[in-house]
Amino acid sequence: MRRFATERAKRLLFGSFRSSPPLFSGAPLCSSLSAAAAAMDSAATPVTLDTINPKVLKCEYAVRGEIVTHAQRLQQDLQSKPGSHPFEEILYCNIGNPQSLGQQPVTFFREVLALCDHPPLLDKSETHALFSADAIARAWQILDVIPGGATGAYSHSQGIKGLRDAIADGIAARDGFPANPDDIFLTDGASPAVHMMMQLLIRSEKDGILCPIPQYPLYSASIALHGGSLVPYYLNESTGWGLEISELKKQLEDARSKGITVRSLVVINPGNPTGQVLAEENQKEIVEFCKNEKLVLLADEVYQENIYVDDKKFNSFKKIARSMGYGDEDLPLVSFQSVSKGYYGECGKRGGYMEVTGFSAEVREQIYKVASVNLCSNISGQILASLVMNPPKVGDESYESFDAEKTGILSSLARRAKALEDAFNGLEGVTCNKAEGAMYLFPRLHLPKKAIEAAKAVKAAPDAFYAHRLLDATGIVVVPGSGFGQVPGTWHVRCTILPQEDKIPAIISRLKAFHEAFMEEFRD
């Protein structure tokens, strides 16, 4: 409205001078008109890149960055002009979004959600023919703990108490140690929980957060938005992306020497984008390090179900800490979980939680206050988080079909990971560590000097140059490693393992043909 009024004023002002002879001539009139126009232009555009919050400008999120924007343009081209590119479809290997690539929802979870969202179904005789008995029973249980049985109403800001009880039971069953529902904050996925903790911990740019490099860009973005400093620690690619305590100590001391107060350590296990699974002994070393250095341990554990090797298993950091004899008073620890990953892949439902332990009652009140600003997380996501942590058990009517769906998805992901890992390792100048878990591969590109020079000529990072060329030639979308951080002078791409299994051979053949042509074009 304001812009419309300003433009109308301009037309009236300048229109009157065009239709009437000037009252006087000379520079003063021109100057006054220019000043007026400038003032109106300024009023019409009060927000520019120079006037927005500089923290927003510093924030970057590579998995939905420029490469993906270009891919979306190409997809529109294919829809409006079929045959306009040398491929028929865009294959999004850039983000952990399983159902967008054809993964089907888990039946039991969706049955319970449908019944909770429309309780009148529970009173219909047909429902017992269409839904499993345990899904019906679970829906009744959940509706009984939702005030008023209304999934369209706000809940307690920390999440529905009965659902937090169920999640606490699931955590206790997983870890073998008790969990307190009052420690659980239900959130719209893990990302808002991470933002809440950054809000809590970061006071100024002098507060630092130790983050793995490579890292999931949520962390660098949220640290930038909240005005803190990212303190990098490098994972060791030569040892399968190992996390070394000596590297943590080195980076911590370096940050402190620069006047940065390091508040916490972020650990992503299984790793994103690197796919490693931490060994139990390594986790114990990390817990000891955080305890000794008085750091909050932020444990990103959203891929806990995604383990693809027989010699590794997931252990939560809380389980590790409790097994070492450490209680709440010894270590502030926040664990993040999400319904977006695992075998369920329910990204659009935006469900998740954080378990917050080791904080004083006074600080917990402040966390609750921050949660209250957002009123509550969505109820469907809350329900789904409770189901993920308490799926059907042996003896339940749905158990066999549920277990078959879960096993089928995870087994397929393991096969896809191995096929893509082998494919990358079969390419000239590419090395790829084993995908032990999570949903990604992070192969290293050993690019020819001519390719690096060609990238510099167009002012692009070499891995971004490679990813852009790959997209234009094949329709395959990967994310440049430079968006995650990497050892200077090394280049990577992150590729998901999520395209459906029957599409993996075509992806591999396209990738192979492109890479061979690329290397030949830029051979030194």
Protein backbone atom coordinates (compact mmCIF):
# COMPACT_ATOMS: atom_id res chain seq x y z
CA MET A 1 0.00 0.00 0.00
CA ARG A 2 2.81 2.36 0.92
CA ARG A 3 4.58 1.66 -2.38
CA PHE A 4 1.36 2.33 -4.30
CA ALA A 5 0.86 5.66 -2.52
CA THR A 6 4.46 6.69 -3.25
CA GLU A 7 4.19 5.84 -6.95
CA ARG A 8 0.89 7.76 -7.17
CA ALA A 9 2.51 10.79 -5.55
CA LYS A 10 5.33 10.64 -8.13
CA ARG A 11 2.85 10.56 -11.00
CA LEU A 12 0.90 13.50 -9.59
CA LEU A 13 4.04 15.54 -8.94
CA PHE A 14 5.75 14.95 -12.28
CA GLY A 15 2.47 14.87 -14.21
CA SER A 16 1.62 18.38 -12.99
CA PHE A 17 4.98 19.71 -14.24
CA ARG A 18 4.53 18.02 -17.62
CA SER A 19 1.08 19.51 -18.13
CA SER A 20 1.85 23.01 -16.86
CA PRO A 21 4.60 25.47 -17.75
CA PRO A 22 7.30 25.71 -15.08
CA LEU A 23 6.92 28.59 -12.64
CA PHE A 24 10.60 29.29 -13.00
CA SER A 25 13.60 27.75 -14.66
CA GLY A 26 17.13 26.88 -13.55
CA ALA A 27 19.06 24.40 -11.44
CA PRO A 28 17.20 24.84 -8.17
CA LEU A 29 14.09 23.22 -9.65
CA CYS A 30 16.04 20.23 -10.99
CA SER A 31 17.78 19.80 -7.66
CA SER A 32 14.53 19.91 -5.73
CA LEU A 33 12.88 17.42 -8.09
CA SER A 34 15.86 15.04 -7.85
CA ALA A 35 15.82 15.25 -4.08
CA ALA A 36 12.10 14.57 -4.02
CA ALA A 37 12.45 11.59 -6.34
CA ALA A 38 15.31 10.19 -4.27
CA ALA A 39 13.32 10.57 -1.09
CA MET A 40 10.34 8.78 -2.66
CA ASP A 41 12.54 5.97 -4.00
CA SER A 42 14.00 5.54 -0.53
CA ALA A 43 10.55 5.40 0.99
CA ALA A 44 9.43 2.86 -1.61
CA THR A 45 12.31 0.45 -0.89
CA PRO A 46 12.93 0.54 2.87
CA VAL A 47 14.47 -2.96 2.82
CA THR A 48 17.60 -3.67 0.79
CA LEU A 49 20.57 -6.00 1.16
CA ASP A 50 22.32 -3.09 2.88
CA THR A 51 19.58 -2.68 5.48
CA ILE A 52 18.60 -6.25 6.40
CA ASN A 53 20.11 -8.11 9.34
CA PRO A 54 23.73 -8.88 8.36
CA LYS A 55 23.46 -12.21 10.19
CA VAL A 56 20.97 -13.33 7.53
CA LEU A 57 23.48 -12.46 4.79
CA LYS A 58 26.12 -14.60 6.51
CA CYS A 59 23.74 -17.56 6.72
CA GLU A 60 24.08 -20.16 3.95
CA TYR A 61 22.29 -23.48 3.41
CA ALA A 62 23.93 -25.45 0.64
CA VAL A 63 21.50 -28.38 0.33
CA ARG A 64 18.88 -25.99 -1.05
CA GLY A 65 21.33 -23.60 -2.68
CA GLU A 66 22.12 -22.37 -6.19
CA ILE A 67 22.54 -25.86 -7.70
CA VAL A 68 19.05 -26.85 -6.54
CA THR A 69 17.56 -23.58 -7.83
CA HIS A 70 19.10 -24.33 -11.24
CA ALA A 71 17.72 -27.87 -11.09
CA GLN A 72 14.23 -26.52 -10.49
CA ARG A 73 14.57 -24.28 -13.55
CA LEU A 74 15.62 -27.29 -15.62
CA GLN A 75 12.63 -29.24 -14.29
CA GLN A 76 10.31 -26.47 -15.43
CA ASP A 77 11.98 -26.59 -18.86
CA LEU A 78 11.33 -30.32 -19.11
CA GLN A 79 7.68 -29.82 -18.20
CA SER A 80 7.08 -26.99 -20.67
CA LYS A 81 9.44 -28.19 -23.41
CA PRO A 82 9.91 -31.98 -23.28
CA GLY A 83 13.16 -33.04 -24.89
CA SER A 84 14.85 -29.69 -24.26
CA HIS A 85 17.67 -31.33 -22.25
CA PRO A 86 19.70 -34.52 -22.65
CA PHE A 87 17.72 -36.25 -19.86
CA GLU A 88 14.05 -36.84 -19.12
CA GLU A 89 13.92 -36.17 -15.38
CA ILE A 90 15.75 -34.44 -12.55
CA LEU A 91 17.15 -36.86 -9.97
CA TYR A 92 17.41 -35.05 -6.65
CA CYS A 93 20.34 -36.56 -4.74
CA ASN A 94 20.88 -33.38 -2.74
CA ILE A 95 18.72 -33.77 0.35
CA GLY A 96 17.57 -36.47 2.76
CA ASN A 97 13.93 -36.40 1.65
CA PRO A 98 13.02 -40.09 1.12
CA GLN A 99 9.34 -39.87 0.24
CA SER A 100 9.97 -37.25 -2.46
CA LEU A 101 11.99 -39.96 -4.22
CA GLY A 102 9.36 -42.68 -3.96
CA GLN A 103 9.79 -44.23 -0.51
CA GLN A 104 6.39 -45.28 0.83
CA PRO A 105 5.23 -44.30 4.34
CA VAL A 106 5.17 -46.99 7.02
CA THR A 107 1.63 -48.36 7.08
CA PHE A 108 1.17 -48.64 10.85
CA PHE A 109 2.28 -45.05 11.45
CA ARG A 110 -0.07 -43.65 8.82
CA GLU A 111 -3.00 -45.75 10.04
CA VAL A 112 -2.64 -44.36 13.55
CA LEU A 113 -2.25 -40.78 12.27
CA ALA A 114 -5.36 -41.09 10.08
CA LEU A 115 -7.46 -42.40 12.96
CA CYS A 116 -6.22 -39.73 15.36
CA ASP A 117 -6.93 -36.95 12.87
CA HIS A 118 -10.46 -38.23 12.22
CA PRO A 119 -11.70 -39.99 15.38
CA PRO A 120 -15.23 -40.65 13.99
CA LEU A 121 -13.61 -43.43 11.95
CA LEU A 122 -13.06 -45.33 15.19
CA ASP A 123 -16.80 -45.74 15.66
CA LYS A 124 -17.44 -47.20 12.20
CA SER A 125 -17.71 -50.95 11.71
CA GLU A 126 -15.83 -50.73 8.38
CA THR A 127 -12.76 -49.42 10.18
CA HIS A 128 -11.99 -52.85 11.64
CA ALA A 129 -11.82 -54.28 8.14
CA LEU A 130 -9.54 -51.51 6.86
CA PHE A 131 -7.22 -50.87 9.85
CA SER A 132 -5.22 -53.25 12.02
CA ALA A 133 -6.47 -53.87 15.54
CA ASP A 134 -3.29 -52.55 17.16
CA ALA A 135 -3.42 -49.33 15.09
CA ILE A 136 -6.99 -48.80 16.32
CA ALA A 137 -5.95 -49.51 19.91
CA ARG A 138 -2.95 -47.18 19.65
CA ALA A 139 -5.14 -44.38 18.25
CA TRP A 140 -7.50 -44.70 21.21
CA GLN A 141 -4.53 -44.60 23.61
CA ILE A 142 -3.15 -41.47 21.97
CA LEU A 143 -6.50 -39.67 21.82
CA ASP A 144 -6.98 -40.40 25.51
CA VAL A 145 -3.80 -38.44 26.37
CA ILE A 146 -4.56 -35.48 24.06
CA PRO A 147 -6.62 -32.89 25.96
CA GLY A 148 -10.08 -32.97 24.40
CA GLY A 149 -8.87 -35.58 21.89
CA ALA A 150 -8.33 -32.70 19.46
CA THR A 151 -5.32 -32.87 17.13
CA GLY A 152 -6.23 -29.41 15.86
CA ALA A 153 -5.70 -27.72 19.24
CA TYR A 154 -2.56 -26.25 20.76
CA SER A 155 -0.75 -28.49 23.21
CA HIS A 156 1.55 -27.87 26.14
CA SER A 157 4.57 -25.97 24.78
CA GLN A 158 6.89 -28.85 25.65
CA GLY A 159 4.59 -31.33 23.91
CA ILE A 160 1.68 -33.52 25.01
CA LYS A 161 2.59 -35.14 28.31
CA GLY A 162 1.30 -38.61 27.40
CA LEU A 163 3.33 -38.59 24.19
CA ARG A 164 6.44 -37.51 26.08
CA ASP A 165 5.80 -40.41 28.45
CA ALA A 166 5.76 -42.79 25.48
CA ILE A 167 8.98 -41.32 24.06
CA ALA A 168 10.70 -41.56 27.45
CA ASP A 169 9.71 -45.24 27.61
CA GLY A 170 11.16 -45.74 24.12
CA ILE A 171 14.44 -44.04 25.07
CA ALA A 172 14.70 -46.16 28.23
CA ALA A 173 14.09 -49.36 26.24
CA ARG A 174 16.72 -48.32 23.68
CA ASP A 175 19.42 -47.32 26.18
CA GLY A 176 18.79 -49.46 29.23
CA PHE A 177 18.74 -46.35 31.42
CA PRO A 178 15.70 -44.40 32.63
CA ALA A 179 14.44 -41.30 30.82
CA ASN A 180 12.35 -38.50 32.27
CA PRO A 181 9.46 -37.18 30.14
CA ASP A 182 10.06 -33.75 31.65
CA ASP A 183 13.47 -33.74 29.90
CA ILE A 184 11.81 -34.07 26.49
CA PHE A 185 10.84 -31.10 24.29
CA LEU A 186 8.80 -32.05 21.23
CA THR A 187 9.70 -29.90 18.21
CA ASP A 188 8.89 -29.49 14.51
CA GLY A 189 11.76 -31.76 13.49
CA ALA A 190 15.26 -31.58 14.91
CA SER A 191 16.14 -28.27 13.23
CA PRO A 192 14.04 -26.00 15.51
CA ALA A 193 15.54 -27.79 18.51
CA VAL A 194 19.03 -26.96 17.27
CA HIS A 195 18.01 -23.32 16.80
CA MET A 196 16.61 -23.24 20.35
CA MET A 197 19.91 -24.44 21.78
CA MET A 198 21.89 -21.94 19.72
CA GLN A 199 19.62 -19.16 21.01
CA LEU A 200 20.29 -20.35 24.53
CA LEU A 201 24.07 -20.72 24.25
CA ILE A 202 25.19 -17.89 21.96
CA ARG A 203 25.46 -14.42 23.50
CA SER A 204 27.79 -12.76 20.97
CA GLU A 205 30.41 -13.49 18.32
CA LYS A 206 32.76 -14.28 21.20
CA ASP A 207 30.79 -17.47 21.92
CA GLY A 208 31.93 -20.44 19.84
CA ILE A 209 30.43 -23.81 18.94
CA LEU A 210 32.77 -26.67 18.02
CA CYS A 211 31.41 -28.24 14.83
CA PRO A 212 32.67 -31.08 12.65
CA ILE A 213 34.01 -30.28 9.21
CA PRO A 214 32.42 -31.48 7.00
CA GLN A 215 29.18 -30.57 8.80
CA TYR A 216 25.47 -30.39 8.10
CA PRO A 217 24.88 -26.73 7.07
CA LEU A 218 22.09 -26.35 9.65
CA TYR A 219 24.82 -25.81 12.23
CA SER A 220 26.85 -23.18 10.40
CA ALA A 221 23.59 -21.44 9.37
CA SER A 222 22.11 -21.38 12.87
CA ILE A 223 25.38 -20.23 14.44
CA ALA A 224 25.53 -17.38 11.90
CA LEU A 225 21.88 -16.41 12.45
CA HIS A 226 22.35 -16.25 16.21
CA GLY A 227 25.58 -14.28 15.96
CA GLY A 228 28.11 -16.80 17.26
CA SER A 229 31.37 -18.21 15.93
CA LEU A 230 31.76 -21.63 14.36
CA VAL A 231 34.88 -23.32 15.69
CA PRO A 232 35.75 -26.08 13.19
CA TYR A 233 37.26 -29.43 13.97
CA TYR A 234 38.24 -31.56 10.99
CA LEU A 235 37.20 -35.18 10.64
CA ASN A 236 39.98 -37.41 9.34
CA GLU A 237 39.01 -38.64 5.87
CA SER A 238 41.96 -41.06 5.71
CA THR A 239 40.62 -42.99 8.73
CA GLY A 240 37.02 -43.17 7.54
CA TRP A 241 36.09 -39.68 8.78
CA GLY A 242 37.45 -40.36 12.25
CA LEU A 243 36.83 -37.92 15.10
CA GLU A 244 40.15 -37.44 16.91
CA ILE A 245 40.35 -35.98 20.41
CA SER A 246 43.74 -34.42 19.59
CA GLU A 247 42.01 -32.37 16.87
CA LEU A 248 39.28 -31.26 19.30
CA LYS A 249 41.90 -30.12 21.80
CA LYS A 250 43.89 -28.28 19.16
CA GLN A 251 40.88 -26.35 17.85
CA LEU A 252 39.58 -25.62 21.34
CA GLU A 253 42.92 -24.15 22.44
CA ASP A 254 43.22 -22.15 19.24
CA ALA A 255 39.74 -20.65 19.70
CA ARG A 256 40.41 -19.79 23.33
CA SER A 257 43.68 -18.10 22.38
CA LYS A 258 41.60 -15.80 20.15
CA GLY A 259 39.32 -14.83 23.01
CA ILE A 260 36.44 -17.10 22.00
CA THR A 261 34.50 -18.80 24.77
CA VAL A 262 33.66 -22.25 23.41
CA ARG A 263 30.26 -23.25 24.79
CA SER A 264 29.51 -26.63 23.24
CA LEU A 265 30.59 -29.49 20.99
CA VAL A 266 28.37 -30.71 18.14
CA VAL A 267 28.71 -34.39 17.22
CA ILE A 268 26.70 -35.90 14.35
CA ASN A 269 26.41 -39.67 14.74
CA PRO A 270 25.89 -41.35 12.31
CA GLY A 271 27.61 -38.66 10.29
CA ASN A 272 26.10 -36.19 7.87
CA PRO A 273 27.43 -35.76 5.19
CA THR A 274 30.14 -38.31 5.89
CA GLY A 275 28.20 -41.46 6.85
CA GLN A 276 30.54 -42.78 9.56
CA VAL A 277 29.32 -44.45 12.78
CA LEU A 278 31.31 -43.69 15.92
CA ALA A 279 32.85 -46.52 17.90
CA GLU A 280 31.85 -46.86 21.55
CA GLU A 281 35.37 -46.15 22.81
CA ASN A 282 35.53 -42.99 20.72
CA GLN A 283 32.21 -41.86 22.20
CA LYS A 284 33.57 -42.38 25.70
CA GLU A 285 36.56 -40.18 24.84
CA ILE A 286 34.20 -37.47 23.57
CA VAL A 287 32.10 -37.60 26.75
CA GLU A 288 35.25 -37.33 28.87
CA PHE A 289 36.49 -34.41 26.78
CA CYS A 290 33.22 -32.48 27.21
CA LYS A 291 33.13 -33.18 30.94
CA ASN A 292 36.72 -32.03 31.47
CA GLU A 293 36.36 -28.93 29.30
CA LYS A 294 32.89 -28.06 30.67
CA LEU A 295 31.23 -28.12 27.25
CA VAL A 296 27.60 -28.81 26.43
CA LEU A 297 27.47 -31.93 24.26
CA LEU A 298 24.99 -31.45 21.41
CA ALA A 299 24.38 -34.94 19.99
CA ASP A 300 22.71 -35.05 16.58
CA GLU A 301 21.38 -38.62 16.51
CA VAL A 302 18.70 -38.37 13.84
CA TYR A 303 20.18 -41.23 11.76
CA GLN A 304 20.24 -43.72 14.64
CA GLU A 305 18.20 -46.29 12.65
CA ASN A 306 20.40 -45.94 9.54
CA ILE A 307 23.25 -48.40 10.15
CA TYR A 308 24.46 -50.46 7.18
CA VAL A 309 27.48 -52.41 8.48
CA ASP A 310 27.52 -55.45 10.75
CA ASP A 311 30.51 -54.39 12.84
CA LYS A 312 29.00 -51.07 14.02
CA LYS A 313 25.92 -50.24 16.06
CA PHE A 314 24.31 -47.05 17.30
CA ASN A 315 24.81 -46.02 20.92
CA SER A 316 23.27 -42.78 22.14
CA PHE A 317 25.62 -40.41 23.93
CA LYS A 318 23.30 -40.47 26.92
CA LYS A 319 23.67 -44.26 27.12
CA ILE A 320 27.46 -43.91 26.88
CA ALA A 321 27.57 -41.22 29.58
CA ARG A 322 25.35 -43.20 31.95
CA SER A 323 27.39 -46.38 31.35
CA MET A 324 30.48 -44.39 32.42
CA GLY A 325 28.74 -43.51 35.67
CA TYR A 326 28.01 -39.88 34.77
CA GLY A 327 24.65 -38.45 35.78
CA ASP A 328 22.82 -35.18 35.16
CA GLU A 329 25.14 -33.27 37.48
CA ASP A 330 28.23 -34.31 35.50
CA LEU A 331 27.45 -33.42 31.90
CA PRO A 332 24.99 -31.09 30.14
CA LEU A 333 23.80 -33.15 27.18
CA VAL A 334 21.18 -32.51 24.49
CA SER A 335 20.18 -35.33 22.13
CA PHE A 336 18.26 -34.60 18.91
CA GLN A 337 15.93 -37.04 17.14
CA SER A 338 13.68 -36.59 14.10
CA VAL A 339 10.93 -38.48 12.26
CA SER A 340 12.42 -37.29 8.94
CA LYS A 341 15.17 -39.90 8.71
CA GLY A 342 15.53 -43.55 9.78
CA TYR A 343 13.36 -45.98 7.82
CA TYR A 344 10.28 -43.77 8.23
CA GLY A 345 11.41 -40.70 6.26
CA GLU A 346 8.45 -38.55 7.30
CA CYS A 347 10.10 -35.20 6.49
CA GLY A 348 6.85 -33.36 5.77
CA LYS A 349 5.30 -34.27 9.11
CA ARG A 350 7.93 -32.15 10.90
CA GLY A 351 8.21 -34.21 14.04
CA GLY A 352 11.11 -34.54 16.43
CA TYR A 353 12.35 -33.92 19.91
CA MET A 354 15.32 -33.04 22.03
CA GLU A 355 16.13 -34.70 25.33
CA VAL A 356 17.73 -32.10 27.61
CA THR A 357 19.71 -33.38 30.58
CA GLY A 358 22.28 -31.88 32.93
CA PHE A 359 20.86 -28.31 33.07
CA SER A 360 19.75 -26.51 36.22
CA ALA A 361 16.06 -25.92 36.92
CA GLU A 362 16.58 -22.19 36.28
CA VAL A 363 18.08 -22.79 32.83
CA ARG A 364 15.37 -25.35 32.01
CA GLU A 365 12.79 -22.64 32.69
CA GLN A 366 14.48 -20.46 30.09
CA ILE A 367 14.43 -23.29 27.52
CA TYR A 368 10.73 -23.76 28.23
CA LYS A 369 10.20 -20.02 27.77
CA VAL A 370 11.84 -20.16 24.32
CA ALA A 371 9.64 -23.16 23.42
CA SER A 372 6.58 -21.24 24.59
CA VAL A 373 7.26 -18.41 22.15
CA ASN A 374 6.43 -20.89 19.36
CA LEU A 375 3.33 -22.07 21.28
CA CYS A 376 3.87 -25.77 20.47
CA SER A 377 5.05 -28.12 17.76
CA ASN A 378 2.48 -29.60 15.36
CA ILE A 379 0.41 -32.42 16.84
CA SER A 380 0.78 -34.87 13.94
CA GLY A 381 4.55 -34.63 14.30
CA GLN A 382 4.25 -35.18 18.06
CA ILE A 383 2.16 -38.31 17.53
CA LEU A 384 4.58 -39.61 14.92
CA ALA A 385 7.58 -39.05 17.22
CA SER A 386 5.86 -41.17 19.88
CA LEU A 387 5.19 -43.92 17.30
CA VAL A 388 8.76 -43.91 16.00
CA MET A 389 10.05 -44.45 19.53
CA ASN A 390 7.34 -47.07 20.26
CA PRO A 391 6.65 -49.05 17.09
CA PRO A 392 4.70 -52.35 17.03
CA LYS A 393 6.21 -55.12 19.14
CA VAL A 394 6.38 -58.89 18.74
CA GLY A 395 2.88 -60.28 19.23
CA ASP A 396 1.08 -57.18 17.92
CA GLU A 397 -1.12 -57.75 14.88
CA SER A 398 0.91 -55.28 12.77
CA TYR A 399 4.33 -56.49 13.86
CA GLU A 400 5.16 -58.84 11.01
CA SER A 401 4.06 -56.45 8.25
CA PHE A 402 5.72 -53.53 10.06
CA ASP A 403 8.99 -55.43 10.47
CA ALA A 404 8.90 -56.45 6.81
CA GLU A 405 8.48 -52.81 5.72
CA LYS A 406 11.25 -51.59 8.05
CA THR A 407 13.69 -54.35 7.09
CA GLY A 408 12.91 -53.91 3.40
CA ILE A 409 13.63 -50.18 3.46
CA LEU A 410 16.86 -50.45 5.48
CA SER A 411 18.16 -53.41 3.46
CA SER A 412 17.49 -51.54 0.23
CA LEU A 413 19.27 -48.44 1.55
CA ALA A 414 22.29 -50.59 2.43
CA ARG A 415 22.39 -52.05 -1.09
CA ARG A 416 22.03 -48.61 -2.66
CA ALA A 417 24.82 -47.23 -0.46
CA LYS A 418 27.15 -50.06 -1.51
CA ALA A 419 26.31 -49.74 -5.21
CA LEU A 420 26.94 -45.97 -5.24
CA GLU A 421 30.07 -46.31 -3.09
CA ASP A 422 31.50 -48.85 -5.54
CA ALA A 423 30.52 -46.66 -8.49
CA PHE A 424 32.30 -43.60 -7.10
CA ASN A 425 35.41 -45.62 -6.27
CA GLY A 426 35.41 -46.93 -9.84
CA LEU A 427 35.73 -43.42 -11.30
CA GLU A 428 39.10 -41.97 -12.25
CA GLY A 429 40.36 -39.56 -9.59
CA VAL A 430 37.52 -40.24 -7.11
CA THR A 431 37.82 -41.85 -3.67
CA CYS A 432 34.84 -42.61 -1.44
CA ASN A 433 34.79 -43.85 2.15
CA LYS A 434 32.37 -46.56 3.19
CA ALA A 435 28.82 -45.48 4.00
CA GLU A 436 28.46 -47.03 7.46
CA GLY A 437 25.26 -45.16 8.20
CA ALA A 438 23.04 -42.11 7.54
CA MET A 439 21.84 -41.42 3.98
CA TYR A 440 24.83 -39.97 2.13
CA LEU A 441 28.14 -40.53 0.44
CA PHE A 442 30.82 -37.83 0.45
CA PRO A 443 33.28 -38.79 -2.28
CA ARG A 444 36.47 -36.80 -2.82
CA LEU A 445 37.17 -35.41 -6.29
CA HIS A 446 40.81 -35.27 -7.35
CA LEU A 447 40.25 -32.79 -10.17
CA PRO A 448 42.69 -31.93 -12.98
CA LYS A 449 44.36 -28.52 -12.80
CA LYS A 450 42.59 -27.47 -15.99
CA ALA A 451 39.21 -28.11 -14.35
CA ILE A 452 40.24 -26.06 -11.32
CA GLU A 453 41.37 -23.21 -13.58
CA ALA A 454 38.13 -23.41 -15.56
CA ALA A 455 36.19 -23.13 -12.30
CA LYS A 456 38.21 -20.09 -11.26
CA ALA A 457 37.50 -18.47 -14.63
CA VAL A 458 33.76 -18.53 -13.88
CA LYS A 459 34.32 -17.63 -10.20
CA ALA A 460 33.07 -20.99 -8.92
CA ALA A 461 34.50 -23.46 -6.43
CA PRO A 462 35.84 -26.48 -8.34
CA ASP A 463 33.35 -28.90 -6.75
CA ALA A 464 30.49 -26.50 -7.50
CA PHE A 465 31.72 -26.29 -11.10
CA TYR A 466 31.72 -30.10 -11.29
CA ALA A 467 28.25 -30.38 -9.73
CA HIS A 468 26.83 -27.78 -12.12
CA ARG A 469 28.26 -29.56 -15.14
CA LEU A 470 26.95 -32.90 -13.85
CA LEU A 471 23.46 -31.45 -13.48
CA ASP A 472 23.41 -29.91 -16.96
CA ALA A 473 24.61 -33.15 -18.55
CA THR A 474 22.65 -35.76 -16.59
CA GLY A 475 19.92 -34.17 -14.46
CA ILE A 476 21.59 -35.55 -11.31
CA VAL A 477 21.58 -33.08 -8.40
CA VAL A 478 24.41 -33.34 -5.86
CA VAL A 479 25.67 -30.76 -3.38
CA PRO A 480 29.21 -29.34 -3.62
CA GLY A 481 31.37 -30.26 -0.66
CA SER A 482 32.26 -26.60 -0.25
CA GLY A 483 28.75 -26.12 1.17
CA PHE A 484 29.61 -28.44 4.09
CA GLY A 485 33.20 -27.41 4.71
CA GLN A 486 36.24 -29.49 3.85
CA VAL A 487 40.00 -29.48 4.30
CA PRO A 488 41.31 -26.57 2.19
CA GLY A 489 42.48 -27.76 -1.21
CA THR A 490 40.20 -30.82 -1.22
CA TRP A 491 36.97 -31.10 -3.18
CA HIS A 492 33.93 -33.29 -2.59
CA VAL A 493 30.26 -33.73 -3.41
CA ARG A 494 27.49 -35.06 -1.20
CA CYS A 495 25.19 -37.58 -2.86
CA THR A 496 22.18 -39.18 -1.17
CA ILE A 497 21.51 -42.90 -1.43
CA LEU A 498 17.77 -42.26 -1.59
CA PRO A 499 16.67 -42.62 -5.25
CA GLN A 500 14.64 -45.81 -5.55
CA GLU A 501 16.71 -48.93 -6.09
CA ASP A 502 15.54 -49.50 -9.66
CA LYS A 503 16.92 -46.06 -10.62
CA ILE A 504 20.38 -46.60 -9.17
CA PRO A 505 21.81 -48.37 -12.27
CA ALA A 506 20.73 -45.47 -14.52
CA ILE A 507 22.26 -42.94 -12.11
CA ILE A 508 25.52 -44.88 -12.07
CA SER A 509 25.68 -45.16 -15.87
CA ARG A 510 24.93 -41.43 -16.34
CA LEU A 511 27.48 -40.51 -13.68
CA LYS A 512 30.14 -42.74 -15.25
CA ALA A 513 29.61 -41.37 -18.77
CA PHE A 514 29.67 -37.77 -17.53
CA HIS A 515 32.77 -38.23 -15.39
CA GLU A 516 34.75 -39.90 -18.17
CA ALA A 517 33.88 -37.06 -20.57
CA PHE A 518 34.65 -34.42 -17.91
CA MET A 519 38.06 -35.88 -17.12
CA GLU A 520 38.92 -36.20 -20.80
CA GLU A 521 37.89 -32.59 -21.47
CA PHE A 522 40.05 -31.21 -18.68
CA ARG A 523 42.89 -33.70 -18.71
CA ASP A 524 46.22 -31.98 -17.91
